Protein backbone atom coordinates (compact mmCIF):
# COMPACT_ATOMS: atom_id res chain seq x y z
CA MET A 1 82.03 110.81 91.29
CA PRO A 2 78.87 109.10 89.69
CA ILE A 3 77.03 107.12 92.46
CA ARG A 4 75.67 104.03 90.43
CA HIS A 5 73.48 102.70 94.01
CA CYS A 6 73.51 103.57 97.46
CA ILE A 7 71.78 102.38 100.28
CA VAL A 8 71.97 102.78 104.19
CA HIS A 9 70.46 100.28 106.81
CA LEU A 10 69.77 100.76 110.81
CA ILE A 11 71.52 98.12 112.92
CA ASP A 12 70.35 99.47 116.40
CA LYS A 13 72.77 97.51 119.20
CA LYS A 14 73.07 98.76 122.21
CA PRO A 15 76.69 97.75 124.43
CA ASP A 16 74.27 96.12 127.17
CA GLY A 17 74.36 92.72 125.52
CA SER A 18 70.88 92.78 124.17
CA PRO A 19 69.86 91.43 120.59
CA ALA A 20 70.60 93.45 117.58
CA VAL A 21 67.60 94.56 115.79
CA LEU A 22 67.90 95.48 111.82
CA HIS A 23 65.49 98.14 110.20
CA ALA A 24 66.49 97.71 106.53
CA ARG A 25 65.21 99.82 104.15
CA ASP A 26 63.50 98.10 100.85
CA SER A 27 64.57 100.60 97.94
CA GLU A 28 67.85 102.18 97.49
CA LEU A 29 68.29 105.62 97.82
CA ALA A 30 67.68 108.65 95.09
CA THR A 31 70.72 110.74 93.98
CA SER A 32 70.72 114.25 95.18
CA ASP A 33 73.29 116.99 96.60
CA ALA A 34 73.35 115.38 100.04
CA ILE A 35 74.26 111.97 99.27
CA GLU A 36 76.92 113.14 96.37
CA ASN A 37 78.21 115.18 99.58
CA MET A 38 77.94 112.54 102.09
CA LEU A 39 79.63 109.82 99.94
CA ALA A 40 82.67 112.67 99.14
CA ASP A 41 83.19 113.41 102.60
CA LEU A 42 82.87 109.64 103.57
CA ASN A 43 85.78 109.41 100.85
CA ASP A 44 87.55 112.04 102.37
CA SER A 45 87.77 110.72 105.90
CA TYR A 46 88.03 107.18 105.05
CA ASN A 47 91.26 107.86 102.69
CA ALA A 48 93.13 110.31 105.40
CA LYS A 49 92.43 107.54 108.00
CA GLN A 50 95.44 105.99 109.45
CA GLY A 51 96.05 102.17 110.06
CA LYS A 52 94.35 100.91 107.17
CA ALA A 53 95.09 97.23 105.92
CA TRP A 54 94.88 95.92 101.93
CA GLY A 55 93.98 92.66 101.12
CA PHE A 56 91.32 90.08 98.84
CA PHE A 57 88.61 87.71 99.44
CA HIS A 58 88.95 84.79 101.31
CA GLY A 59 87.63 82.28 99.02
CA GLU A 60 83.74 82.05 99.07
CA SER A 61 82.24 79.37 101.80
CA GLY A 62 79.83 79.65 104.73
CA ALA A 63 82.17 81.52 106.46
CA TYR A 64 82.86 84.09 104.11
CA PRO A 65 79.88 84.48 101.75
CA PHE A 66 80.15 88.24 101.61
CA SER A 67 82.11 87.78 97.97
CA GLY A 68 79.52 85.34 96.58
CA TRP A 69 76.50 87.71 97.21
CA LEU A 70 78.64 90.75 95.39
CA LYS A 71 79.30 88.66 92.55
CA GLN A 72 75.70 87.87 92.06
CA TYR A 73 74.82 91.60 91.70
CA LEU A 74 77.40 92.23 89.60
CA ASP A 75 76.40 89.56 87.65
CA GLY A 76 72.83 91.04 86.87
CA GLU A 77 71.44 88.26 89.03
CA ASN A 78 70.33 90.42 91.90
CA THR A 79 69.53 93.92 92.98
CA PHE A 80 71.90 96.35 95.03
CA ALA A 81 68.64 96.63 97.55
CA ALA A 82 68.63 92.76 97.96
CA PHE A 83 72.27 92.28 98.11
CA SER A 84 72.59 94.86 100.47
CA ARG A 85 69.70 93.28 102.62
CA THR A 86 71.39 89.78 102.43
CA ALA A 87 74.87 91.52 103.47
CA VAL A 88 73.65 93.53 106.46
CA GLU A 89 71.66 90.32 107.98
CA HIS A 90 74.71 88.52 108.47
CA LEU A 91 76.51 91.67 109.68
CA GLN A 92 73.79 91.89 112.02
CA LYS A 93 74.49 87.97 112.92
CA LEU A 94 78.19 88.76 113.27
CA MET A 95 77.53 91.92 114.93
CA GLU A 96 75.09 90.00 117.51
CA GLU A 97 78.44 87.49 117.88
CA SER A 98 80.50 90.39 118.55
CA ASN A 99 80.64 91.78 122.42
CA LEU A 100 82.76 94.89 121.66
CA SER A 101 80.54 96.12 118.73
CA THR A 102 77.65 98.50 119.10
CA GLY A 103 75.12 99.21 115.86
CA GLY A 104 74.71 102.15 113.57
CA HIS A 105 73.48 103.22 109.95
CA VAL A 106 75.06 100.56 107.53
CA LEU A 107 75.79 102.04 104.42
CA PHE A 108 76.53 100.11 100.94
CA ALA A 109 77.61 102.57 98.24
CA HIS A 110 78.51 101.64 94.36
CA TYR A 111 80.20 104.14 92.80
CA GLN A 112 82.74 105.24 90.11
CA GLN A 113 85.71 107.71 89.87
CA GLY A 114 87.38 107.93 86.87
CA MET A 115 87.47 104.50 85.00
CA THR A 116 87.17 102.56 88.24
CA GLU A 117 84.35 100.88 90.36
CA TYR A 118 84.06 100.80 93.95
CA LEU A 119 81.94 99.42 96.41
CA ALA A 120 82.05 101.49 99.97
CA ILE A 121 80.76 99.99 103.33
CA ALA A 122 80.77 101.95 106.30
CA LEU A 123 79.01 101.96 109.63
CA LEU A 124 78.51 105.04 110.39
CA HIS A 125 77.15 107.03 113.92
CA HIS A 126 75.72 110.36 114.80
CA SER A 127 77.14 113.41 117.04
CA GLU A 128 75.05 115.66 119.10
CA GLY A 129 75.58 119.26 118.38
CA VAL A 130 73.47 122.34 118.26
CA ALA A 131 72.25 124.23 115.76
CA VAL A 132 70.07 127.98 114.72
CA ASN A 133 66.97 127.73 113.32
CA ALA A 134 65.20 130.12 110.70
CA GLU A 135 63.75 131.46 114.00
CA LEU A 136 67.38 132.22 115.10
CA ASP A 137 66.80 129.81 118.12
CA VAL A 138 69.31 127.80 119.22
CA THR A 139 68.07 124.01 118.75
CA PRO A 140 69.40 120.56 119.30
CA SER A 141 71.05 118.98 115.86
CA ARG A 142 72.08 115.60 115.27
CA HIS A 143 74.50 114.81 112.37
CA LEU A 144 76.81 112.02 110.91
CA ASP A 145 79.91 111.97 112.55
CA LEU A 146 81.56 110.48 109.66
CA GLY A 147 84.92 112.29 111.15
CA GLN A 148 85.01 109.04 113.48
CA LEU A 149 85.58 106.58 110.94
CA HIS A 150 86.16 103.18 112.73
CA LEU A 151 84.61 100.41 111.18
CA ALA A 152 84.54 100.75 106.70
CA ALA A 153 86.19 99.06 103.93
CA ARG A 154 86.16 99.33 100.33
CA VAL A 155 86.38 97.17 97.31
CA ASN A 156 87.96 98.11 94.35
CA LEU A 157 85.25 96.56 91.98
CA SER A 158 87.59 97.06 88.56
CA GLU A 159 90.74 95.00 89.75
CA TRP A 160 89.13 92.75 91.36
CA LYS A 161 87.25 91.68 87.93
CA ASN A 162 90.38 92.38 85.83
CA ASN A 163 93.11 91.21 88.26
CA GLN A 164 92.41 88.15 89.76
CA ASN A 165 95.98 88.11 91.03
CA SER A 166 95.97 91.04 92.91
CA LYS A 167 96.20 90.73 96.83
CA GLN A 168 95.33 94.50 97.55
CA TYR A 169 91.70 95.13 95.92
CA ILE A 170 90.46 95.51 99.31
CA SER A 171 91.06 98.02 101.92
CA PHE A 172 89.61 98.39 105.59
CA ILE A 173 90.40 100.01 108.82
CA LYS A 174 92.10 98.02 111.22
CA GLY A 175 91.57 98.20 114.79
CA LYS A 176 94.21 99.96 116.99
CA ASN A 177 96.35 98.95 119.60
CA GLY A 178 95.46 95.48 118.83
CA LYS A 179 92.08 95.86 119.55
CA LYS A 180 89.36 93.16 118.20
CA VAL A 181 86.82 95.25 118.03
CA SER A 182 87.28 95.30 113.86
CA ASP A 183 87.73 91.44 113.67
CA TYR A 184 84.36 90.84 112.96
CA PHE A 185 83.74 93.50 110.14
CA ARG A 186 86.88 92.53 108.37
CA ASP A 187 85.21 88.72 108.61
CA PHE A 188 81.67 89.99 107.15
CA ILE A 189 83.42 91.61 104.33
CA GLY A 190 85.75 88.52 104.35
CA CYS A 191 88.70 89.73 103.92
CA GLN A 192 92.10 88.30 104.63
CA GLU A 193 95.53 90.66 104.49
CA GLY A 194 97.29 90.55 101.60
CA VAL A 195 99.87 93.49 101.33
CA ASP A 196 101.69 94.81 104.51
CA GLY A 197 101.35 97.98 103.84
CA PRO A 198 103.74 99.48 106.10
CA GLY A 199 106.36 97.36 105.48
CA GLU A 200 105.89 97.91 101.72
CA THR A 201 106.27 101.68 102.19
CA ARG A 202 109.68 101.30 104.30
CA THR A 203 111.04 98.72 101.84
CA LEU A 204 110.19 101.47 99.18
CA LEU A 205 111.73 104.47 101.46
CA LYS A 206 115.09 101.86 101.85
CA ALA A 207 115.06 101.18 98.26
CA PHE A 208 114.83 105.39 97.67
CA SER A 209 117.74 106.16 100.10
CA ASP A 210 120.18 103.34 98.53
CA TYR A 211 119.49 104.83 94.99
CA VAL A 212 120.07 108.60 96.29
CA GLU A 213 123.47 106.70 98.29
CA ARG A 214 124.45 104.77 94.82
CA GLU A 215 123.71 108.30 92.64
CA ASP A 216 125.90 110.46 94.75
CA LEU A 217 123.22 113.15 94.40
CA PRO A 218 124.25 116.83 95.33
CA GLU A 219 122.10 117.48 98.87
CA GLU A 220 119.51 119.79 97.27
CA ALA A 221 118.99 117.39 94.57
CA ALA A 222 118.42 114.85 97.10
CA ARG A 223 116.26 116.66 99.23
CA GLU A 224 114.33 117.50 95.97
CA LYS A 225 113.49 114.10 95.15
CA THR A 226 112.63 113.62 98.55
CA GLN A 227 110.14 115.85 98.72
CA THR A 228 109.20 114.34 95.17
CA LEU A 229 108.63 110.90 96.90
CA VAL A 230 106.74 112.36 99.81
CA ASP A 231 104.67 114.63 97.37
CA TYR A 232 103.30 111.87 95.46
CA ALA A 233 102.73 108.75 98.22
CA THR A 234 100.85 111.78 99.70
CA SER A 235 98.74 112.72 96.55
CA GLN A 236 97.94 108.71 96.17
CA THR A 237 97.06 108.22 99.82
CA LYS A 238 94.36 111.31 99.74
CA LEU A 239 92.92 109.63 96.38
CA GLY A 240 93.03 106.25 98.26
CA GLU A 241 95.09 104.67 95.40
CA PRO A 242 98.21 102.87 95.75
CA MET A 243 101.65 104.15 94.68
CA GLY A 244 102.79 103.04 90.93
CA LEU A 245 106.61 102.95 91.11
CA GLN A 246 106.94 103.53 87.52
CA GLU A 247 104.81 106.79 87.83
CA LEU A 248 106.85 107.64 90.87
CA SER A 249 109.93 106.77 88.79
CA SER A 250 109.34 109.41 86.44
CA LEU A 251 108.36 111.79 88.74
CA ILE A 252 111.68 111.43 90.56
CA ASP A 253 113.81 111.84 87.35
CA GLU A 254 112.43 113.28 84.44
CA ASP A 255 115.19 112.92 82.46
CA ARG A 256 115.83 109.35 83.29
CA PRO A 257 112.11 108.13 83.95
CA GLU A 258 112.87 104.81 84.35
CA ALA A 259 116.20 105.06 86.29
CA PHE A 260 114.56 104.68 89.88
CA TYR A 261 112.26 101.89 88.84
CA ASP A 262 115.22 100.11 87.15
CA HIS A 263 117.25 100.11 90.40
CA ILE A 264 114.01 98.80 92.44
CA ARG A 265 114.01 95.63 89.74
CA ASN A 266 117.51 95.04 89.62
CA SER A 267 118.38 95.47 93.12
CA ASP A 268 115.44 93.11 93.89
CA TYR A 269 113.58 94.48 96.80
CA GLY A 270 110.76 92.09 96.05
CA LEU A 271 107.94 95.57 95.71
CA SER A 272 105.40 94.80 93.72
CA PRO A 273 104.43 97.28 91.01
CA GLU A 274 101.95 99.07 92.87
CA ILE A 275 102.16 99.48 96.80
CA PRO A 276 99.70 101.22 98.95
CA ALA A 277 101.60 103.93 100.92
CA ASP A 278 101.17 104.48 104.83
CA LYS A 279 100.82 107.65 105.94
CA ARG A 280 102.15 107.07 109.38
CA THR A 281 105.56 105.82 107.70
CA LEU A 282 105.88 108.60 105.75
CA ASN A 283 105.52 111.37 108.03
CA GLN A 284 108.29 109.24 109.62
CA PHE A 285 110.71 109.33 106.90
CA ARG A 286 110.37 113.16 106.32
CA ARG A 287 112.63 114.14 109.44
CA PHE A 288 114.14 112.44 112.39
CA THR A 289 113.09 114.59 115.37
CA GLY A 290 113.76 114.82 118.97
CA ARG A 291 113.76 117.07 122.12
CA ALA A 292 114.99 116.22 125.58
CA GLU A 293 116.29 118.27 128.69
CA GLY A 294 116.66 121.56 126.10
CA LEU A 295 118.03 119.59 123.34
CA SER A 296 116.21 119.75 119.86
CA ILE A 297 117.51 117.66 117.40
CA SER A 298 115.62 117.52 114.20
CA PHE A 299 117.13 116.40 110.08
CA GLU A 300 115.68 115.34 106.64
CA ALA A 301 116.36 111.66 106.69
CA HIS A 302 118.16 111.29 103.80
CA LEU A 303 121.34 113.09 105.64
CA LEU A 304 121.62 110.15 107.90
CA GLY A 305 124.82 108.45 106.85
CA SER A 306 126.05 111.53 105.31
CA LYS A 307 126.22 114.93 107.30
CA VAL A 308 124.76 112.76 110.15
CA GLU A 309 126.29 109.85 111.60
CA TYR A 310 124.90 107.58 114.22
CA ASP A 311 126.73 105.57 116.68
CA GLU A 312 124.05 103.01 118.06
CA GLU A 313 126.40 101.49 120.63
CA ALA A 314 127.30 104.87 122.06
CA GLY A 315 124.19 106.34 121.54
CA THR A 316 125.63 109.20 119.77
CA LEU A 317 125.17 111.49 116.94
CA VAL A 318 128.30 113.20 114.79
CA ILE A 319 126.81 116.12 113.00
CA LYS A 320 129.21 117.54 109.68
CA GLY A 321 128.56 120.80 108.01
CA LEU A 322 126.76 122.85 110.82
CA PRO A 323 124.74 126.02 109.94
CA THR A 324 126.88 128.95 109.92
CA GLN A 325 124.18 131.08 112.56
CA LEU A 326 125.07 128.36 114.87
CA ILE A 327 128.66 128.34 114.53
CA ASP A 328 128.59 131.94 114.77
CA GLN A 329 126.48 131.62 117.89
CA LEU A 330 128.97 128.93 119.39
CA LYS A 331 131.90 131.62 118.73
CA ARG A 332 130.16 134.42 120.43
CA ARG A 333 129.61 132.19 123.50
CA LYS A 334 133.80 130.94 123.49
CA ASP A 335 134.53 134.40 123.73
């Protein structure tokens, strides 16, 4: 992961309403193993984070100046250090106006993965721990807590530059349970939501279920294709990349690589060629599971409508093709 530029600033702000104090670094961080390891760990944590949203920049304005500063840097009109200084000063101002935020270290990193360039921005905090030193004494230790990542965003610079119609070149972490704590950070980036990740994922899964039913696939084949979809979506999520529907189609059926993609296109599901996978929605698709009063039920989603029928009004399930082991137990109980 070649790192082109990286810098860290500190905004010192307590939750007691006192003014935010900026401690800005003047120069970029020199590339080192520590920096590369930190950015790799940050990416892993960010990619695994649930509840992300995808979007694109608002038009540049006084309210949303970030994209203009970023363009000036990319066009060579400003240095990375100067760009980050201007941006973090704006973040400090927004942070002071927010009564929900505390300060932290603000990381800006311009890096490349494969042929794609990214800009990552994250507000980082420390955790207190202990360490054993060279004298074998146990001493207090502070470290960046990358596992507790709540305010972060990533801009796909290559897509922003090459695809002006894209509405998903920015991803950012959304606040949980309707919390507004992340709103000021989203406004700092100047991002508006353009793609409904969970909704797009649900639509894709509906299209897949329709495809399996239309093709009248045997149970084993349906299970394998379901696993292929989930594995591909999960791998793309870990990489922080969207799912390519044509690539997914070729994985689902190697003999007819366009079949699933043609089904999506011809049935007008309204899906873009690339969509972000929502991890929580995918996990729900794997199996339907429930427990209550000594009863445990779990079955794969593609069986609904074939071996498992659900009557919503009656609140009942009809299960066909019971496992032989279960049938034997029921027979012994009857005898």
